[in-house]
Amino acid sequence: METHLSCCGVGGKYKYNSVVQCGETGEVDGTEVTVSSCDNPSEYINWDGIHLTERFYEFIALAFLHGYFVDEPVILPSPCSLNFSSFTSYTTFKKVFCYDRSLNPQLRRTEA
């Protein structure tokens, strides 16, 4: 996943230009350019230098709903289990958070 460059941007170290933004046409370094999105936005964290991509917002939502951003995670009983498999980032989320309990000390505490 690309962590520094924006998907829809141009110029500079991070493909961000505050004057010519995503979808606009303008001059950058003496050349007229039209800023368009990358071919694979799901591989980026940053959309346009200001906003995150849909995939990364999904990742944040999954982490929040699984208790990673709260002080006392809510452990849902099995009838209330939520299915997030339609989220495109769910497979990556499971690899990072669900299979390595050492990444979430709160879950380790509640299982002890």
Protein backbone atom coordinates (compact mmCIF):
# COMPACT_ATOMS: atom_id res chain seq x y z
CA MET A 1 0.00 0.00 0.00
CA GLU A 2 1.36 3.43 -0.96
CA THR A 3 1.69 5.43 2.25
CA HIS A 4 3.15 8.77 1.16
CA LEU A 5 1.95 9.70 -2.34
CA SER A 6 -1.56 10.86 -3.11
CA CYS A 7 -3.55 8.94 -5.71
CA CYS A 8 -5.03 12.02 -7.34
CA GLY A 9 -2.38 14.69 -7.36
CA VAL A 10 0.63 16.11 -9.14
CA GLY A 11 3.93 17.70 -8.28
CA GLY A 12 6.14 17.79 -5.26
CA LYS A 13 7.48 15.01 -3.11
CA TYR A 14 4.01 13.63 -2.28
CA LYS A 15 2.10 14.33 -5.51
CA TYR A 16 0.23 17.19 -3.87
CA ASN A 17 -0.20 20.73 -5.13
CA SER A 18 -2.48 23.15 -3.27
CA VAL A 19 -2.97 25.27 -6.41
CA VAL A 20 -3.82 22.53 -8.93
CA GLN A 21 -5.86 19.87 -7.17
CA CYS A 22 -7.55 16.62 -8.15
CA GLY A 23 -9.66 17.01 -11.30
CA GLU A 24 -8.33 20.47 -12.14
CA THR A 25 -6.14 21.76 -14.96
CA GLY A 26 -3.41 24.25 -14.22
CA GLU A 27 0.25 25.08 -14.41
CA VAL A 28 2.83 23.13 -12.38
CA ASP A 29 6.52 23.93 -12.79
CA GLY A 30 5.86 25.78 -16.06
CA THR A 31 3.83 22.96 -17.62
CA GLU A 32 0.04 22.81 -17.99
CA VAL A 33 -1.31 19.60 -16.47
CA THR A 34 -4.67 18.02 -15.76
CA VAL A 35 -4.70 16.17 -12.47
CA SER A 36 -6.43 12.80 -12.61
CA SER A 37 -6.62 9.82 -10.29
CA CYS A 38 -4.26 6.87 -10.30
CA ASP A 39 -5.26 3.53 -11.84
CA ASN A 40 -5.38 1.68 -8.52
CA PRO A 41 -6.81 3.90 -5.73
CA SER A 42 -7.33 0.92 -3.42
CA GLU A 43 -3.53 0.67 -3.14
CA TYR A 44 -3.23 4.19 -1.68
CA ILE A 45 -3.91 5.63 1.76
CA ASN A 46 -4.12 9.25 0.63
CA TRP A 47 -6.59 10.31 -2.07
CA ASP A 48 -5.68 13.91 -2.90
CA GLY A 49 -3.18 15.13 -0.33
CA ILE A 50 -5.96 16.07 2.08
CA HIS A 51 -8.47 13.19 2.18
CA LEU A 52 -7.96 9.49 2.76
CA THR A 53 -9.04 6.84 0.23
CA GLU A 54 -12.22 4.80 0.59
CA ARG A 55 -10.17 1.70 1.28
CA PHE A 56 -8.29 3.31 4.14
CA TYR A 57 -11.54 4.66 5.66
CA GLU A 58 -12.81 1.05 5.55
CA PHE A 59 -9.67 -0.07 7.35
CA ILE A 60 -10.21 2.56 10.07
CA ALA A 61 -13.88 1.54 10.42
CA LEU A 62 -12.98 -2.13 10.75
CA ALA A 63 -10.36 -1.38 13.38
CA PHE A 64 -12.81 0.79 15.33
CA LEU A 65 -15.62 -1.76 15.13
CA HIS A 66 -13.26 -4.49 16.33
CA GLY A 67 -12.23 -2.45 19.37
CA TYR A 68 -8.75 -1.28 18.36
CA PHE A 69 -9.39 2.44 18.93
CA VAL A 70 -11.38 2.22 22.15
CA ASP A 71 -10.10 1.86 25.68
CA GLU A 72 -12.37 -1.07 26.54
CA PRO A 73 -13.20 -3.09 23.42
CA VAL A 74 -16.73 -4.42 23.09
CA ILE A 75 -16.68 -8.17 22.60
CA LEU A 76 -19.86 -8.97 20.65
CA PRO A 77 -21.67 -12.22 21.47
CA SER A 78 -21.82 -14.63 18.55
CA PRO A 79 -25.46 -13.83 17.57
CA CYS A 80 -24.38 -10.20 17.19
CA SER A 81 -21.30 -10.97 15.10
CA LEU A 82 -20.91 -8.53 12.25
CA ASN A 83 -19.87 -9.60 8.77
CA PHE A 84 -17.49 -7.14 7.13
CA SER A 85 -16.47 -9.39 4.26
CA SER A 86 -17.97 -6.96 1.71
CA PHE A 87 -15.35 -4.37 2.71
CA THR A 88 -12.53 -4.56 0.17
CA SER A 89 -9.94 -4.11 2.91
CA TYR A 90 -11.32 -6.86 5.18
CA THR A 91 -8.82 -9.49 4.01
CA THR A 92 -5.89 -7.16 4.71
CA PHE A 93 -7.45 -6.16 8.03
CA LYS A 94 -7.74 -9.80 9.11
CA LYS A 95 -4.11 -10.46 8.20
CA VAL A 96 -2.87 -7.50 10.20
CA PHE A 97 -5.14 -7.56 13.26
CA CYS A 98 -7.04 -10.81 13.61
CA TYR A 99 -4.32 -13.40 13.30
CA ASP A 100 -1.62 -11.74 15.39
CA ARG A 101 -3.03 -11.11 18.86
CA SER A 102 0.24 -9.49 19.92
CA LEU A 103 -0.81 -6.43 17.87
CA ASN A 104 -3.79 -5.89 20.16
CA PRO A 105 -2.84 -5.98 23.85
CA GLN A 106 -6.46 -5.21 24.84
CA LEU A 107 -7.63 -8.51 23.39
CA ARG A 108 -4.80 -10.34 25.13
CA ARG A 109 -5.91 -8.78 28.43
CA THR A 110 -9.54 -9.85 28.02
CA GLU A 111 -8.59 -13.41 27.07
CA ALA A 112 -6.33 -13.92 30.10
